[in-house]
Amino acid sequence: MAEETDVPITKDDLVRKGPNLHPYYEVVWIDGEEVWLRNANTRESHVCLLSECTKIELQPIL
């Protein structure tokens, strides 16, 4: 299960874009308002605006 947070996004965080929870992206690099993301499933990468991303925290399954 994943939970959205308001914690600042940093390198190696998992984020999502838009209203959908999937796909997850790994933050590779941040430069000001630009962020380089890598899809956690396909490993494809792209650059987008940091404001388009929402950090997610993975919660352990009990």
PDB file of N, CA and C in Angstrom:
ATOM      1  N   MET A   1       0.846  -1.168   0.000  1.00  0.00           N
ATOM      2  CA  MET A   1       0.000   0.000   0.000  1.00  0.00           C
ATOM      3  C   MET A   1       0.892   1.231   0.000  1.00  0.00           C
ATOM      4  N   ALA A   2       0.486   2.269  -0.703  1.00  0.00           N
ATOM      5  CA  ALA A   2       1.264   3.501  -0.792  1.00  0.00           C
ATOM      6  C   ALA A   2       0.448   4.656  -0.230  1.00  0.00           C
ATOM      7  N   GLU A   3       1.167   5.644   0.292  1.00  0.00           N
ATOM      8  CA  GLU A   3       0.529   6.796   0.902  1.00  0.00           C
ATOM      9  C   GLU A   3       1.190   8.055   0.360  1.00  0.00           C
ATOM     10  N   GLU A   4       0.375   9.080   0.030  1.00  0.00           N
ATOM     11  CA  GLU A   4       0.904  10.347  -0.433  1.00  0.00           C
ATOM     12  C   GLU A   4       1.400  11.156   0.755  1.00  0.00           C
ATOM     13  N   THR A   5       2.464  11.917   0.537  1.00  0.00           N
ATOM     14  CA  THR A   5       2.985  12.768   1.606  1.00  0.00           C
ATOM     15  C   THR A   5       3.269  14.161   1.060  1.00  0.00           C
ATOM     16  N   ASP A   6       3.412  15.132   1.964  1.00  0.00           N
ATOM     17  CA  ASP A   6       3.779  16.498   1.596  1.00  0.00           C
ATOM     18  C   ASP A   6       5.252  16.768   1.875  1.00  0.00           C
ATOM     19  N   VAL A   7       6.017  15.719   2.129  1.00  0.00           N
ATOM     20  CA  VAL A   7       7.445  15.828   2.404  1.00  0.00           C
ATOM     21  C   VAL A   7       8.167  16.205   1.107  1.00  0.00           C
ATOM     22  N   PRO A   8       9.179  17.067   1.175  1.00  0.00           N
ATOM     23  CA  PRO A   8       9.917  17.447  -0.036  1.00  0.00           C
ATOM     24  C   PRO A   8      10.479  16.227  -0.779  1.00  0.00           C
ATOM     25  N   ILE A   9      10.514  16.328  -2.082  1.00  0.00           N
ATOM     26  CA  ILE A   9      11.019  15.247  -2.933  1.00  0.00           C
ATOM     27  C   ILE A   9      12.533  15.369  -3.046  1.00  0.00           C
ATOM     28  N   THR A  10      13.228  14.239  -2.874  1.00  0.00           N
ATOM     29  CA  THR A  10      14.687  14.203  -2.994  1.00  0.00           C
ATOM     30  C   THR A  10      15.095  13.032  -3.892  1.00  0.00           C
ATOM     31  N   LYS A  11      16.388  12.988  -4.236  1.00  0.00           N
ATOM     32  CA  LYS A  11      16.931  11.922  -5.073  1.00  0.00           C
ATOM     33  C   LYS A  11      16.611  10.560  -4.460  1.00  0.00           C
ATOM     34  N   ASP A  12      16.299   9.582  -5.303  1.00  0.00           N
ATOM     35  CA  ASP A  12      15.981   8.199  -4.940  1.00  0.00           C
ATOM     36  C   ASP A  12      14.579   8.008  -4.358  1.00  0.00           C
ATOM     37  N   ASP A  13      13.785   9.081  -4.234  1.00  0.00           N
ATOM     38  CA  ASP A  13      12.399   8.929  -3.774  1.00  0.00           C
ATOM     39  C   ASP A  13      11.550   8.284  -4.858  1.00  0.00           C
ATOM     40  N   LEU A  14      10.445   7.681  -4.447  1.00  0.00           N
ATOM     41  CA  LEU A  14       9.435   7.198  -5.382  1.00  0.00           C
ATOM     42  C   LEU A  14       8.343   8.254  -5.473  1.00  0.00           C
ATOM     43  N   VAL A  15       7.953   8.578  -6.709  1.00  0.00           N
ATOM     44  CA  VAL A  15       6.930   9.597  -6.942  1.00  0.00           C
ATOM     45  C   VAL A  15       5.932   9.087  -7.972  1.00  0.00           C
ATOM     46  N   ARG A  16       4.832   9.808  -8.082  1.00  0.00           N
ATOM     47  CA  ARG A  16       3.852   9.561  -9.132  1.00  0.00           C
ATOM     48  C   ARG A  16       3.582  10.887  -9.817  1.00  0.00           C
ATOM     49  N   LYS A  17       2.986  10.825 -10.992  1.00  0.00           N
ATOM     50  CA  LYS A  17       2.597  12.024 -11.727  1.00  0.00           C
ATOM     51  C   LYS A  17       1.104  11.969 -11.962  1.00  0.00           C
ATOM     52  N   GLY A  18       0.434  13.096 -11.793  1.00  0.00           N
ATOM     53  CA  GLY A  18      -0.996  13.150 -12.037  1.00  0.00           C
ATOM     54  C   GLY A  18      -1.808  12.446 -10.958  1.00  0.00           C
ATOM     55  N   PRO A  19      -3.087  12.193 -11.238  1.00  0.00           N
ATOM     56  CA  PRO A  19      -3.999  11.650 -10.230  1.00  0.00           C
ATOM     57  C   PRO A  19      -3.863  10.142  -9.997  1.00  0.00           C
ATOM     58  N   ASN A  20      -3.220   9.419 -10.903  1.00  0.00           N
ATOM     59  CA  ASN A  20      -3.115   7.968 -10.769  1.00  0.00           C
ATOM     60  C   ASN A  20      -1.953   7.570  -9.865  1.00  0.00           C
ATOM     61  N   LEU A  21      -2.130   6.464  -9.143  1.00  0.00           N
ATOM     62  CA  LEU A  21      -1.083   5.982  -8.256  1.00  0.00           C
ATOM     63  C   LEU A  21       0.046   5.308  -9.040  1.00  0.00           C
ATOM     64  N   HIS A  22      -0.272   4.694 -10.167  1.00  0.00           N
ATOM     65  CA  HIS A  22       0.736   4.011 -10.973  1.00  0.00           C
ATOM     66  C   HIS A  22       0.904   4.727 -12.292  1.00  0.00           C
ATOM     67  N   PRO A  23       2.011   4.707 -12.931  1.00  0.00           N
ATOM     68  CA  PRO A  23       3.237   4.016 -12.538  1.00  0.00           C
ATOM     69  C   PRO A  23       4.017   4.807 -11.504  1.00  0.00           C
ATOM     70  N   TYR A  24       4.895   4.111 -10.810  1.00  0.00           N
ATOM     71  CA  TYR A  24       5.826   4.741  -9.881  1.00  0.00           C
ATOM     72  C   TYR A  24       7.052   5.166 -10.677  1.00  0.00           C
ATOM     73  N   TYR A  25       7.648   6.271 -10.251  1.00  0.00           N
ATOM     74  CA  TYR A  25       8.897   6.744 -10.846  1.00  0.00           C
ATOM     75  C   TYR A  25       9.933   6.926  -9.743  1.00  0.00           C
ATOM     76  N   GLU A  26      11.171   6.604 -10.052  1.00  0.00           N
ATOM     77  CA  GLU A  26      12.288   6.842  -9.146  1.00  0.00           C
ATOM     78  C   GLU A  26      12.940   8.163  -9.544  1.00  0.00           C
ATOM     79  N   VAL A  27      13.215   9.015  -8.576  1.00  0.00           N
ATOM     80  CA  VAL A  27      13.869  10.294  -8.845  1.00  0.00           C
ATOM     81  C   VAL A  27      15.364  10.049  -8.999  1.00  0.00           C
ATOM     82  N   VAL A  28      15.884  10.376 -10.174  1.00  0.00           N
ATOM     83  CA  VAL A  28      17.297  10.165 -10.478  1.00  0.00           C
ATOM     84  C   VAL A  28      18.105  11.430 -10.213  1.00  0.00           C
ATOM     85  N   TRP A  29      17.507  12.587 -10.504  1.00  0.00           N
ATOM     86  CA  TRP A  29      18.253  13.842 -10.445  1.00  0.00           C
ATOM     87  C   TRP A  29      17.265  14.990 -10.319  1.00  0.00           C
ATOM     88  N   ILE A  30      17.620  16.010  -9.549  1.00  0.00           N
ATOM     89  CA  ILE A  30      16.800  17.217  -9.401  1.00  0.00           C
ATOM     90  C   ILE A  30      17.688  18.424  -9.630  1.00  0.00           C
ATOM     91  N   ASP A  31      17.199  19.370 -10.450  1.00  0.00           N
ATOM     92  CA  ASP A  31      17.907  20.625 -10.698  1.00  0.00           C
ATOM     93  C   ASP A  31      16.878  21.741 -10.712  1.00  0.00           C
ATOM     94  N   GLY A  32      16.729  22.423  -9.592  1.00  0.00           N
ATOM     95  CA  GLY A  32      15.730  23.482  -9.489  1.00  0.00           C
ATOM     96  C   GLY A  32      14.333  22.903  -9.608  1.00  0.00           C
ATOM     97  N   GLU A  33      13.613  23.293 -10.662  1.00  0.00           N
ATOM     98  CA  GLU A  33      12.249  22.810 -10.881  1.00  0.00           C
ATOM     99  C   GLU A  33      12.173  21.641 -11.854  1.00  0.00           C
ATOM    100  N   GLU A  34      13.323  21.199 -12.362  1.00  0.00           N
ATOM    101  CA  GLU A  34      13.333  20.055 -13.267  1.00  0.00           C
ATOM    102  C   GLU A  34      13.761  18.797 -12.529  1.00  0.00           C
ATOM    103  N   VAL A  35      13.140  17.678 -12.886  1.00  0.00           N
ATOM    104  CA  VAL A  35      13.455  16.408 -12.242  1.00  0.00           C
ATOM    105  C   VAL A  35      13.557  15.331 -13.313  1.00  0.00           C
ATOM    106  N   TRP A  36      14.554  14.478 -13.190  1.00  0.00           N
ATOM    107  CA  TRP A  36      14.745  13.355 -14.097  1.00  0.00           C
ATOM    108  C   TRP A  36      14.156  12.142 -13.402  1.00  0.00           C
ATOM    109  N   LEU A  37      13.172  11.513 -14.046  1.00  0.00           N
ATOM    110  CA  LEU A  37      12.488  10.360 -13.476  1.00  0.00           C
ATOM    111  C   LEU A  37      12.776   9.101 -14.273  1.00  0.00           C
ATOM    112  N   ARG A  38      12.799   7.957 -13.568  1.00  0.00           N
ATOM    113  CA  ARG A  38      12.948   6.659 -14.219  1.00  0.00           C
ATOM    114  C   ARG A  38      11.760   5.797 -13.784  1.00  0.00           C
ATOM    115  N   ASN A  39      11.023   5.273 -14.773  1.00  0.00           N
ATOM    116  CA  ASN A  39       9.889   4.402 -14.485  1.00  0.00           C
ATOM    117  C   ASN A  39      10.392   3.178 -13.736  1.00  0.00           C
ATOM    118  N   ALA A  40       9.780   2.870 -12.595  1.00  0.00           N
ATOM    119  CA  ALA A  40      10.246   1.769 -11.760  1.00  0.00           C
ATOM    120  C   ALA A  40      10.030   0.405 -12.408  1.00  0.00           C
ATOM    121  N   ASN A  41       9.096   0.297 -13.360  1.00  0.00           N
ATOM    122  CA  ASN A  41       8.833  -0.977 -14.022  1.00  0.00           C
ATOM    123  C   ASN A  41       9.586  -1.144 -15.331  1.00  0.00           C
ATOM    124  N   THR A  42       9.517  -0.137 -16.185  1.00  0.00           N
ATOM    125  CA  THR A  42      10.093  -0.257 -17.528  1.00  0.00           C
ATOM    126  C   THR A  42      11.519   0.275 -17.627  1.00  0.00           C
ATOM    127  N   ARG A  43      11.952   1.050 -16.622  1.00  0.00           N
ATOM    128  CA  ARG A  43      13.277   1.680 -16.575  1.00  0.00           C
ATOM    129  C   ARG A  43      13.446   2.792 -17.615  1.00  0.00           C
ATOM    130  N   GLU A  44      12.376   3.180 -18.320  1.00  0.00           N
ATOM    131  CA  GLU A  44      12.437   4.315 -19.231  1.00  0.00           C
ATOM    132  C   GLU A  44      12.546   5.586 -18.399  1.00  0.00           C
ATOM    133  N   SER A  45      13.223   6.598 -18.930  1.00  0.00           N
ATOM    134  CA  SER A  45      13.394   7.821 -18.161  1.00  0.00           C
ATOM    135  C   SER A  45      13.008   9.045 -18.978  1.00  0.00           C
ATOM    136  N   HIS A  46      12.693  10.131 -18.261  1.00  0.00           N
ATOM    137  CA  HIS A  46      12.366  11.401 -18.882  1.00  0.00           C
ATOM    138  C   HIS A  46      12.516  12.520 -17.862  1.00  0.00           C
ATOM    139  N   VAL A  47      12.515  13.755 -18.366  1.00  0.00           N
ATOM    140  CA  VAL A  47      12.617  14.939 -17.524  1.00  0.00           C
ATOM    141  C   VAL A  47      11.261  15.630 -17.499  1.00  0.00           C
ATOM    142  N   CYS A  48      10.838  16.080 -16.314  1.00  0.00           N
ATOM    143  CA  CYS A  48       9.588  16.824 -16.188  1.00  0.00           C
ATOM    144  C   CYS A  48       9.754  17.865 -15.088  1.00  0.00           C
ATOM    145  N   LEU A  49       8.686  18.592 -14.798  1.00  0.00           N
ATOM    146  CA  LEU A  49       8.711  19.594 -13.743  1.00  0.00           C
ATOM    147  C   LEU A  49       8.468  18.954 -12.385  1.00  0.00           C
ATOM    148  N   LEU A  50       9.194  19.408 -11.388  1.00  0.00           N
ATOM    149  CA  LEU A  50       9.051  18.901 -10.035  1.00  0.00           C
ATOM    150  C   LEU A  50       7.625  19.091  -9.514  1.00  0.00           C
ATOM    151  N   SER A  51       6.979  20.169  -9.931  1.00  0.00           N
ATOM    152  CA  SER A  51       5.616  20.458  -9.470  1.00  0.00           C
ATOM    153  C   SER A  51       4.600  19.435  -9.970  1.00  0.00           C
ATOM    154  N   GLU A  52       4.942  18.636 -10.978  1.00  0.00           N
ATOM    155  CA  GLU A  52       4.050  17.598 -11.499  1.00  0.00           C
ATOM    156  C   GLU A  52       4.118  16.315 -10.678  1.00  0.00           C
ATOM    157  N   CYS A  53       5.066  16.228  -9.739  1.00  0.00           N
ATOM    158  CA  CYS A  53       5.323  14.989  -9.005  1.00  0.00           C
ATOM    159  C   CYS A  53       4.781  15.054  -7.577  1.00  0.00           C
ATOM    160  N   THR A  54       4.337  13.898  -7.097  1.00  0.00           N
ATOM    161  CA  THR A  54       3.895  13.741  -5.715  1.00  0.00           C
ATOM    162  C   THR A  54       4.662  12.577  -5.106  1.00  0.00           C
ATOM    163  N   LYS A  55       5.321  12.830  -3.979  1.00  0.00           N
ATOM    164  CA  LYS A  55       6.092  11.779  -3.315  1.00  0.00           C
ATOM    165  C   LYS A  55       5.143  10.744  -2.715  1.00  0.00           C
ATOM    166  N   ILE A  56       5.530   9.475  -2.805  1.00  0.00           N
ATOM    167  CA  ILE A  56       4.754   8.412  -2.193  1.00  0.00           C
ATOM    168  C   ILE A  56       5.654   7.625  -1.248  1.00  0.00           C
ATOM    169  N   GLU A  57       5.068   7.155  -0.180  1.00  0.00           N
ATOM    170  CA  GLU A  57       5.768   6.342   0.813  1.00  0.00           C
ATOM    171  C   GLU A  57       5.144   4.953   0.789  1.00  0.00           C
ATOM    172  N   LEU A  58       5.962   3.945   0.620  1.00  0.00           N
ATOM    173  CA  LEU A  58       5.453   2.576   0.649  1.00  0.00           C
ATOM    174  C   LEU A  58       5.286   2.128   2.087  1.00  0.00           C
ATOM    175  N   GLN A  59       4.145   1.582   2.398  1.00  0.00           N
ATOM    176  CA  GLN A  59       3.845   1.088   3.732  1.00  0.00           C
ATOM    177  C   GLN A  59       3.955  -0.431   3.739  1.00  0.00           C
ATOM    178  N   PRO A  60       4.502  -1.021   4.785  1.00  0.00           N
ATOM    179  CA  PRO A  60       4.619  -2.478   4.832  1.00  0.00           C
ATOM    180  C   PRO A  60       3.237  -3.142   4.899  1.00  0.00           C
ATOM    181  N   ILE A  61       3.128  -4.282   4.258  1.00  0.00           N
ATOM    182  CA  ILE A  61       1.890  -5.059   4.290  1.00  0.00           C
ATOM    183  C   ILE A  61       1.905  -5.898   5.552  1.00  0.00           C
ATOM    184  N   LEU A  62       0.880  -5.761   6.341  1.00  0.00           N
ATOM    185  CA  LEU A  62       0.806  -6.492   7.612  1.00  0.00           C
ATOM    186  C   LEU A  62      -0.042  -7.730   7.478  1.00  0.00           C
TER     187      LEU A  62
END
